[in-house]
Amino acid sequence: MQPTPCPSPVLPITLYLAIWFLLAPAPLGGEEPATNNNLAKPIVSLPYGWPFLQPQDMQPRGGSTQGAEVTLETQASPQWKALHNASLTKGEQDQLAILALAGVYRVSFQFIETMGVKAGYHPPQPYFSWGTETVHVLHQSPDSVSLQHTLVMYFREEDGSLSEPMVMKHWRQDWKYEDRDMHTYRGNQVWARKTLSDHEARGRWTQAVYQVDDSPRYETIGSWDHTGGVSRWTSDDAWRPLPRREFAVRDDYNVLAGTHTITITPTGWVHAQNNGKLLVTDGHDQVRCVACETGINRYERISAPDLATPAGAYWTKTGDYWREVRRMWSEVFQVRDQFGLHKQADGAKLYQAHFGYAGKVEENDQYDAAAGREHARATIRKFLIDATGTE
């Protein structure tokens, strides 16, 4: 795995180049006009902006829906306070920091390319979107934590009323301590086993990130540090597939490579990314970077609207099915050193097959465990490609 060919962002504020864009009356994923500071139309701050380009040419692209107003938590969370207990061991602090990722959040996603490294480069529009979601603990043990993200969005109707909540299973992150068995992305829809030495894994945590349909996205390893009262995890370089935000707008790269930091704040957490956009051909023989990108995803704790109740109702009805999906993937990871995934099977994408079935499960009062197990396993088998290129 080649290192990300992009320098880390420079942190001193005196070196920031910032552009401020006041969005239109129907902003990108923006909120209604407000009567308090929490509800003001968002102004999108773009560090490492392009100050000599016309602002209208660099307006952020992204979502356009108007979500409900939110009430931000302003007091330090119990999870953050727990991290500052002087009697904790390093291992206890690590796990408490991971558990502090759980909660109810307004999430903002900002990405901007900071430099181009190919001839004829012109910076594309930056990206901004936001949503509201819950993060709940699926599993916890002394050396592992599994966290499930669930989007829960309320929308403003044309008459100003609030819609019923839209609930959708989102991504998942699994953390393991001193984990030596990883499956990393290798490009071209292929994942392969990577075995770490004891030295490489010692004192560190892997983070495996899964798509909305529980198929793998990427896995990396990093270390938690709690110096100065700040809990931060910093990862090694890792490859991952093209992000959803770029599917329809980019065809000049096919691998997103980069490092991650996750920092716990008094009222949430921040996921920062330093990415290189790579065009990978002929396996790993030809790798060319086309641009470098900085991303900041902010998870801000909220107390309203109510996300936990509709999210809980969804998981009460569909949780058994998604457990079967995860179980099947666990078997795949155990027995396959390398595998690929078809982008479609029987005219549908993998997430469509799973979400369609989960939707039917949600509508029914009773869950047929045997049928759910068979559907989960048969669906994943249809998309799998083994190391020789066969199903």
Protein backbone atom coordinates (compact mmCIF):
# COMPACT_ATOMS: atom_id res chain seq x y z
CA MET A 1 0.00 0.00 0.00
CA GLN A 2 1.55 3.29 -1.09
CA PRO A 3 1.39 6.27 1.29
CA THR A 4 -1.14 8.97 0.51
CA PRO A 5 0.69 11.40 -1.82
CA CYS A 6 -0.85 14.43 -0.15
CA PRO A 7 0.71 16.48 2.64
CA SER A 8 -1.12 16.80 5.94
CA PRO A 9 -3.08 20.05 6.40
CA VAL A 10 -1.17 22.89 8.04
CA LEU A 11 -2.77 23.66 11.38
CA PRO A 12 -1.71 27.21 12.39
CA ILE A 13 -4.68 29.51 11.84
CA THR A 14 -2.47 32.21 10.32
CA LEU A 15 -1.93 29.93 7.34
CA TYR A 16 -5.61 29.29 6.68
CA LEU A 17 -7.10 30.67 3.50
CA ALA A 18 -10.86 30.92 4.04
CA ILE A 19 -13.80 31.85 1.83
CA TRP A 20 -17.23 32.46 3.30
CA PHE A 21 -20.29 31.74 1.18
CA LEU A 22 -23.75 32.96 2.15
CA LEU A 23 -26.06 30.33 0.73
CA ALA A 24 -29.30 30.96 -1.11
CA PRO A 25 -32.69 31.16 0.71
CA ALA A 26 -33.09 27.39 0.17
CA PRO A 27 -29.57 26.41 1.24
CA LEU A 28 -27.80 23.14 0.68
CA GLY A 29 -29.42 21.00 3.29
CA GLY A 30 -30.06 24.17 5.22
CA GLU A 31 -32.49 25.02 7.98
CA GLU A 32 -35.47 27.34 8.06
CA PRO A 33 -34.98 31.06 8.82
CA ALA A 34 -34.40 31.27 12.52
CA THR A 35 -35.34 33.09 15.65
CA ASN A 36 -32.18 32.01 17.50
CA ASN A 37 -28.54 31.37 16.68
CA ASN A 38 -28.97 27.60 16.32
CA LEU A 39 -31.46 28.08 13.47
CA ALA A 40 -29.65 30.70 11.41
CA LYS A 41 -29.10 30.01 7.71
CA PRO A 42 -25.73 28.24 7.58
CA ILE A 43 -22.69 30.05 6.27
CA VAL A 44 -20.29 27.46 4.94
CA SER A 45 -16.69 28.12 5.93
CA LEU A 46 -14.16 26.59 3.59
CA PRO A 47 -10.60 26.36 4.94
CA TYR A 48 -7.95 26.07 2.23
CA GLY A 49 -10.27 27.86 -0.19
CA TRP A 50 -9.37 29.32 -3.56
CA PRO A 51 -9.38 33.09 -2.85
CA PHE A 52 -8.76 34.24 -6.43
CA LEU A 53 -11.60 32.30 -8.05
CA GLN A 54 -15.05 33.81 -8.42
CA PRO A 55 -17.25 32.82 -5.43
CA GLN A 56 -20.19 31.95 -7.70
CA ASP A 57 -18.01 29.36 -9.45
CA MET A 58 -17.10 27.70 -6.15
CA GLN A 59 -20.46 27.50 -4.41
CA PRO A 60 -20.67 24.19 -2.56
CA ARG A 61 -22.67 21.43 -4.18
CA GLY A 62 -24.60 18.91 -2.12
CA GLY A 63 -28.05 18.24 -0.70
CA SER A 64 -30.88 20.72 -1.18
CA THR A 65 -33.53 19.60 1.31
CA GLN A 66 -34.68 21.75 4.20
CA GLY A 67 -34.53 19.79 7.40
CA ALA A 68 -36.17 20.52 10.71
CA GLU A 69 -34.70 22.92 13.23
CA VAL A 70 -32.43 21.31 15.80
CA THR A 71 -31.61 22.10 19.41
CA LEU A 72 -27.91 21.77 20.06
CA GLU A 73 -26.55 20.46 23.33
CA THR A 74 -24.41 23.16 24.94
CA GLN A 75 -23.20 21.38 28.09
CA ALA A 76 -20.30 18.95 28.11
CA SER A 77 -21.58 15.41 27.68
CA PRO A 78 -21.25 12.74 30.40
CA GLN A 79 -19.20 10.72 27.91
CA TRP A 80 -16.65 13.51 27.55
CA LYS A 81 -16.50 14.06 31.31
CA ALA A 82 -15.92 10.35 31.90
CA LEU A 83 -12.80 10.51 29.73
CA HIS A 84 -11.21 12.94 32.18
CA ASN A 85 -11.18 10.61 35.18
CA ALA A 86 -7.56 10.64 36.35
CA SER A 87 -7.74 7.03 37.56
CA LEU A 88 -8.37 5.57 34.08
CA THR A 89 -5.82 3.36 32.37
CA LYS A 90 -4.85 4.07 28.76
CA GLY A 91 -6.93 1.11 27.59
CA GLU A 92 -9.96 2.29 29.54
CA GLN A 93 -9.62 5.77 28.04
CA ASP A 94 -9.40 4.29 24.55
CA GLN A 95 -12.63 2.36 24.92
CA LEU A 96 -14.48 5.24 26.57
CA ALA A 97 -13.44 7.47 23.67
CA ILE A 98 -14.89 4.98 21.18
CA LEU A 99 -18.10 4.68 23.20
CA ALA A 100 -18.30 8.49 23.25
CA LEU A 101 -19.00 8.33 19.50
CA ALA A 102 -22.50 7.05 20.31
CA GLY A 103 -25.31 9.59 20.61
CA VAL A 104 -27.81 11.73 18.71
CA TYR A 105 -26.32 14.23 16.29
CA ARG A 106 -26.58 16.87 13.65
CA VAL A 107 -23.84 15.91 11.21
CA SER A 108 -22.22 18.18 8.63
CA PHE A 109 -20.01 16.96 5.80
CA GLN A 110 -17.54 19.37 4.16
CA PHE A 111 -14.94 18.51 1.53
CA ILE A 112 -12.72 20.72 -0.61
CA GLU A 113 -9.85 19.93 -2.93
CA THR A 114 -6.80 21.83 -1.74
CA MET A 115 -4.46 21.17 -4.67
CA GLY A 116 -4.35 19.54 -8.07
CA VAL A 117 -1.41 17.43 -9.17
CA LYS A 118 -2.28 16.73 -12.80
CA ALA A 119 -1.82 18.88 -15.89
CA GLY A 120 -4.72 21.18 -16.72
CA TYR A 121 -6.21 20.97 -13.24
CA HIS A 122 -9.07 23.26 -12.25
CA PRO A 123 -10.57 22.95 -8.77
CA PRO A 124 -14.10 21.52 -8.69
CA GLN A 125 -16.89 22.83 -6.49
CA PRO A 126 -16.47 21.95 -2.84
CA TYR A 127 -19.09 19.77 -1.17
CA PHE A 128 -21.41 20.43 1.76
CA SER A 129 -24.36 18.48 3.12
CA TRP A 130 -25.84 17.69 6.49
CA GLY A 131 -28.24 15.35 8.24
CA THR A 132 -29.41 14.16 11.63
CA GLU A 133 -28.62 10.68 12.85
CA THR A 134 -28.23 8.39 15.81
CA VAL A 135 -25.20 6.27 16.62
CA HIS A 136 -25.94 3.33 18.91
CA VAL A 137 -23.84 0.51 20.35
CA LEU A 138 -24.51 -2.83 18.65
CA HIS A 139 -21.86 -4.75 20.56
CA GLN A 140 -19.34 -4.07 23.29
CA SER A 141 -16.60 -6.16 24.89
CA PRO A 142 -13.28 -5.28 26.55
CA ASP A 143 -11.47 -5.38 23.18
CA SER A 144 -14.18 -4.50 20.64
CA VAL A 145 -17.01 -2.04 20.00
CA SER A 146 -19.53 -2.00 17.13
CA LEU A 147 -21.40 1.23 16.39
CA GLN A 148 -24.39 1.55 14.04
CA HIS A 149 -25.33 4.87 12.41
CA THR A 150 -29.00 5.49 11.51
CA LEU A 151 -30.23 8.51 9.57
CA VAL A 152 -33.41 10.05 10.96
CA MET A 153 -34.60 13.13 9.11
CA TYR A 154 -37.62 15.37 9.53
CA PHE A 155 -38.48 17.71 6.65
CA ARG A 156 -40.39 20.95 6.36
CA GLU A 157 -43.47 20.59 4.16
CA GLU A 158 -44.62 23.38 1.85
CA ASP A 159 -47.22 24.45 4.41
CA GLY A 160 -44.54 24.71 7.08
CA SER A 161 -45.57 21.57 8.96
CA LEU A 162 -43.09 18.92 10.02
CA SER A 163 -43.06 15.61 8.16
CA GLU A 164 -43.04 12.18 9.71
CA PRO A 165 -39.47 10.97 10.32
CA MET A 166 -37.59 9.34 7.46
CA VAL A 167 -35.48 6.52 8.93
CA MET A 168 -32.69 4.76 7.02
CA LYS A 169 -29.93 2.44 8.12
CA HIS A 170 -26.61 4.21 7.53
CA TRP A 171 -22.99 3.07 7.86
CA ARG A 172 -21.36 0.99 10.59
CA GLN A 173 -17.99 1.10 12.29
CA ASP A 174 -16.38 -1.82 14.14
CA TRP A 175 -13.43 -1.23 16.46
CA LYS A 176 -11.04 -3.99 17.62
CA TYR A 177 -8.07 -3.75 19.97
CA GLU A 178 -4.73 -5.21 18.85
CA ASP A 179 -6.47 -6.81 15.88
CA ARG A 180 -4.03 -8.53 13.52
CA ASP A 181 -6.58 -9.77 10.94
CA MET A 182 -7.71 -7.02 8.56
CA HIS A 183 -9.48 -6.91 5.19
CA THR A 184 -8.27 -3.86 3.26
CA TYR A 185 -9.49 -2.37 0.00
CA ARG A 186 -7.20 -3.06 -2.98
CA GLY A 187 -9.04 -1.22 -5.74
CA ASN A 188 -11.36 -2.44 -8.51
CA GLN A 189 -13.99 -3.64 -6.02
CA VAL A 190 -11.58 -6.09 -4.40
CA TRP A 191 -10.82 -6.58 -0.68
CA ALA A 192 -7.99 -8.78 0.64
CA ARG A 193 -6.75 -10.06 3.96
CA LYS A 194 -3.85 -8.21 5.58
CA THR A 195 -2.16 -9.85 8.56
CA LEU A 196 -0.35 -7.55 10.95
CA SER A 197 2.59 -8.44 13.15
CA ASP A 198 2.31 -8.28 16.92
CA HIS A 199 4.42 -5.13 16.83
CA GLU A 200 2.16 -3.43 14.25
CA ALA A 201 -0.98 -4.15 16.27
CA ARG A 202 0.33 -3.56 19.79
CA GLY A 203 -1.65 -0.93 21.68
CA ARG A 204 -3.64 0.06 18.57
CA TRP A 205 -7.24 -0.18 17.37
CA THR A 206 -8.51 -1.17 13.94
CA GLN A 207 -11.56 0.59 12.56
CA ALA A 208 -13.54 -1.31 9.93
CA VAL A 209 -16.13 0.80 8.10
CA TYR A 210 -19.09 -0.82 6.34
CA GLN A 211 -21.49 0.48 3.72
CA VAL A 212 -25.19 1.01 4.38
CA ASP A 213 -25.81 -2.59 3.23
CA ASP A 214 -23.11 -3.93 5.62
CA SER A 215 -20.70 -4.78 2.82
CA PRO A 216 -17.11 -3.68 3.51
CA ARG A 217 -15.86 -0.22 2.64
CA TYR A 218 -12.43 0.10 4.23
CA GLU A 219 -10.39 -0.95 7.24
CA THR A 220 -7.42 0.79 8.81
CA ILE A 221 -5.51 0.82 12.08
CA GLY A 222 -4.50 3.68 14.33
CA SER A 223 -3.72 4.83 17.84
CA TRP A 224 -5.66 6.77 20.44
CA ASP A 225 -3.83 9.56 22.24
CA HIS A 226 -5.18 11.44 25.24
CA THR A 227 -2.44 14.02 25.75
CA GLY A 228 -3.50 17.39 27.13
CA GLY A 229 -7.03 16.24 27.87
CA VAL A 230 -7.81 15.72 24.16
CA SER A 231 -8.80 12.22 23.03
CA ARG A 232 -7.84 11.71 19.38
CA TRP A 233 -7.43 8.65 17.16
CA THR A 234 -5.05 8.92 14.18
CA SER A 235 -5.06 6.25 11.48
CA ASP A 236 -2.55 4.85 9.04
CA ASP A 237 -3.08 5.38 5.33
CA ALA A 238 -5.96 3.38 3.85
CA TRP A 239 -7.59 2.94 0.47
CA ARG A 240 -11.34 3.02 -0.01
CA PRO A 241 -13.75 3.03 -2.98
CA LEU A 242 -15.07 6.17 -4.63
CA PRO A 243 -17.35 7.95 -2.13
CA ARG A 244 -21.07 8.26 -2.86
CA ARG A 245 -20.77 12.04 -3.11
CA GLU A 246 -18.55 11.59 -6.19
CA PHE A 247 -20.32 8.73 -8.03
CA ALA A 248 -22.13 10.93 -10.52
CA VAL A 249 -19.60 13.73 -10.96
CA ARG A 250 -16.13 12.15 -11.22
CA ASP A 251 -14.59 9.61 -13.56
CA ASP A 252 -10.94 10.69 -13.37
CA TYR A 253 -10.10 8.67 -10.23
CA ASN A 254 -11.23 5.38 -8.70
CA VAL A 255 -9.58 5.12 -5.27
CA LEU A 256 -9.76 7.51 -2.34
CA ALA A 257 -6.66 7.12 -0.17
CA GLY A 258 -6.02 8.91 3.06
CA THR A 259 -5.60 9.23 6.78
CA HIS A 260 -8.25 9.92 9.40
CA THR A 261 -8.38 11.60 12.77
CA ILE A 262 -11.32 11.31 15.15
CA THR A 263 -11.37 13.81 18.01
CA ILE A 264 -13.80 13.76 20.94
CA THR A 265 -15.17 17.20 21.84
CA PRO A 266 -17.25 18.24 24.87
CA THR A 267 -20.41 18.20 22.73
CA GLY A 268 -19.67 15.60 20.07
CA TRP A 269 -16.81 14.56 17.84
CA VAL A 270 -15.02 15.55 14.64
CA HIS A 271 -13.85 13.24 11.86
CA ALA A 272 -11.13 14.90 9.76
CA GLN A 273 -9.72 13.41 6.57
CA ASN A 274 -6.62 14.09 4.49
CA ASN A 275 -7.29 12.38 1.16
CA GLY A 276 -5.58 11.72 -2.13
CA LYS A 277 -7.68 10.96 -5.21
CA LEU A 278 -5.93 8.17 -7.09
CA LEU A 279 -6.33 6.69 -10.55
CA VAL A 280 -5.30 3.06 -10.13
CA THR A 281 -4.86 0.85 -13.21
CA ASP A 282 -3.26 -2.56 -13.88
CA GLY A 283 -3.66 -3.67 -10.30
CA HIS A 284 -1.20 -1.71 -8.17
CA ASP A 285 1.30 -1.24 -11.00
CA GLN A 286 -0.04 2.14 -12.14
CA VAL A 287 -1.06 4.62 -9.43
CA ARG A 288 -1.40 8.32 -10.18
CA CYS A 289 -2.70 11.01 -7.86
CA VAL A 290 -4.93 13.63 -9.49
CA ALA A 291 -5.82 15.84 -6.50
CA CYS A 292 -5.64 16.26 -2.73
CA GLU A 293 -8.67 16.89 -0.55
CA THR A 294 -9.44 17.92 3.01
CA GLY A 295 -12.66 16.77 4.69
CA ILE A 296 -14.25 17.66 8.00
CA ASN A 297 -17.34 15.87 9.34
CA ARG A 298 -18.71 17.38 12.56
CA TYR A 299 -21.00 15.39 14.85
CA GLU A 300 -22.81 17.84 17.14
CA ARG A 301 -25.03 16.47 19.91
CA ILE A 302 -28.67 17.55 19.79
CA SER A 303 -31.62 17.21 22.15
CA ALA A 304 -34.36 17.83 19.56
CA PRO A 305 -36.01 16.67 17.39
CA ASP A 306 -36.52 13.15 18.72
CA LEU A 307 -34.40 10.75 16.68
CA ALA A 308 -33.99 7.91 19.15
CA THR A 309 -37.64 6.81 19.19
CA PRO A 310 -38.09 6.31 15.41
CA ALA A 311 -34.59 4.82 15.10
CA GLY A 312 -35.34 2.39 17.92
CA ALA A 313 -38.63 1.38 16.32
CA TYR A 314 -36.84 0.62 13.04
CA TRP A 315 -34.24 -1.57 14.71
CA THR A 316 -36.82 -3.40 16.81
CA LYS A 317 -38.47 -4.58 13.60
CA THR A 318 -35.48 -5.08 11.29
CA GLY A 319 -32.61 -5.81 13.67
CA ASP A 320 -32.86 -9.60 13.37
CA TYR A 321 -32.54 -9.42 9.59
CA TRP A 322 -29.53 -7.12 9.67
CA ARG A 323 -27.94 -9.42 12.25
CA GLU A 324 -28.13 -12.23 9.69
CA VAL A 325 -26.48 -9.98 7.10
CA ARG A 326 -23.61 -9.21 9.48
CA ARG A 327 -23.28 -12.90 10.36
CA MET A 328 -22.94 -13.85 6.70
CA TRP A 329 -20.25 -11.23 6.18
CA SER A 330 -18.36 -12.52 9.22
CA GLU A 331 -18.24 -15.93 7.56
CA VAL A 332 -16.96 -14.38 4.33
CA PHE A 333 -14.12 -12.65 6.19
CA GLN A 334 -13.21 -15.87 7.99
CA VAL A 335 -12.91 -18.10 4.92
CA ARG A 336 -11.89 -15.77 2.08
CA ASP A 337 -8.45 -14.20 1.87
CA GLN A 338 -9.58 -12.12 -1.10
CA PHE A 339 -12.90 -11.40 -2.77
CA GLY A 340 -14.60 -8.95 -5.08
CA LEU A 341 -18.13 -7.66 -5.41
CA HIS A 342 -20.34 -7.29 -8.46
CA LYS A 343 -21.84 -3.83 -8.76
CA GLN A 344 -25.20 -5.39 -9.71
CA ALA A 345 -26.88 -8.79 -9.67
CA ASP A 346 -30.26 -9.60 -11.18
CA GLY A 347 -30.63 -5.95 -12.16
CA ALA A 348 -30.28 -4.59 -8.63
CA LYS A 349 -27.52 -3.19 -6.45
CA LEU A 350 -26.67 -4.92 -3.19
CA TYR A 351 -28.17 -2.22 -0.99
CA GLN A 352 -31.41 -2.34 -3.01
CA ALA A 353 -31.79 -6.08 -2.43
CA HIS A 354 -31.20 -5.77 1.32
CA PHE A 355 -33.22 -2.60 1.85
CA GLY A 356 -36.13 -3.96 -0.16
CA TYR A 357 -36.32 -7.03 2.04
CA ALA A 358 -35.81 -5.05 5.25
CA GLY A 359 -38.66 -2.77 4.18
CA LYS A 360 -41.00 -5.75 3.90
CA VAL A 361 -39.82 -7.00 7.30
CA GLU A 362 -40.58 -3.59 8.80
CA GLU A 363 -44.13 -3.67 7.42
CA ASN A 364 -44.91 -7.10 8.90
CA ASP A 365 -45.74 -7.81 12.52
CA GLN A 366 -43.76 -11.05 12.59
CA TYR A 367 -40.28 -11.90 11.32
CA ASP A 368 -39.62 -15.25 9.66
CA ALA A 369 -36.10 -15.99 10.91
CA ALA A 370 -35.44 -18.88 8.51
CA ALA A 371 -36.57 -16.89 5.47
CA GLY A 372 -34.57 -13.85 6.56
CA ARG A 373 -31.43 -15.92 7.05
CA GLU A 374 -31.77 -17.53 3.64
CA HIS A 375 -32.40 -14.19 1.90
CA ALA A 376 -29.39 -12.54 3.56
CA ARG A 377 -27.05 -15.39 2.65
CA ALA A 378 -28.34 -15.92 -0.89
CA THR A 379 -28.22 -12.20 -1.65
CA ILE A 380 -24.59 -11.79 -0.57
CA ARG A 381 -23.54 -14.95 -2.44
CA LYS A 382 -24.93 -13.51 -5.70
CA PHE A 383 -22.63 -10.49 -5.43
CA LEU A 384 -19.44 -12.23 -4.29
CA ILE A 385 -16.54 -12.89 -6.65
CA ASP A 386 -13.66 -15.02 -5.39
CA ALA A 387 -9.95 -14.48 -6.01
CA THR A 388 -10.09 -16.32 -9.35
CA GLY A 389 -12.86 -14.10 -10.68
CA THR A 390 -15.66 -16.63 -10.29
CA GLU A 391 -18.77 -16.47 -8.12
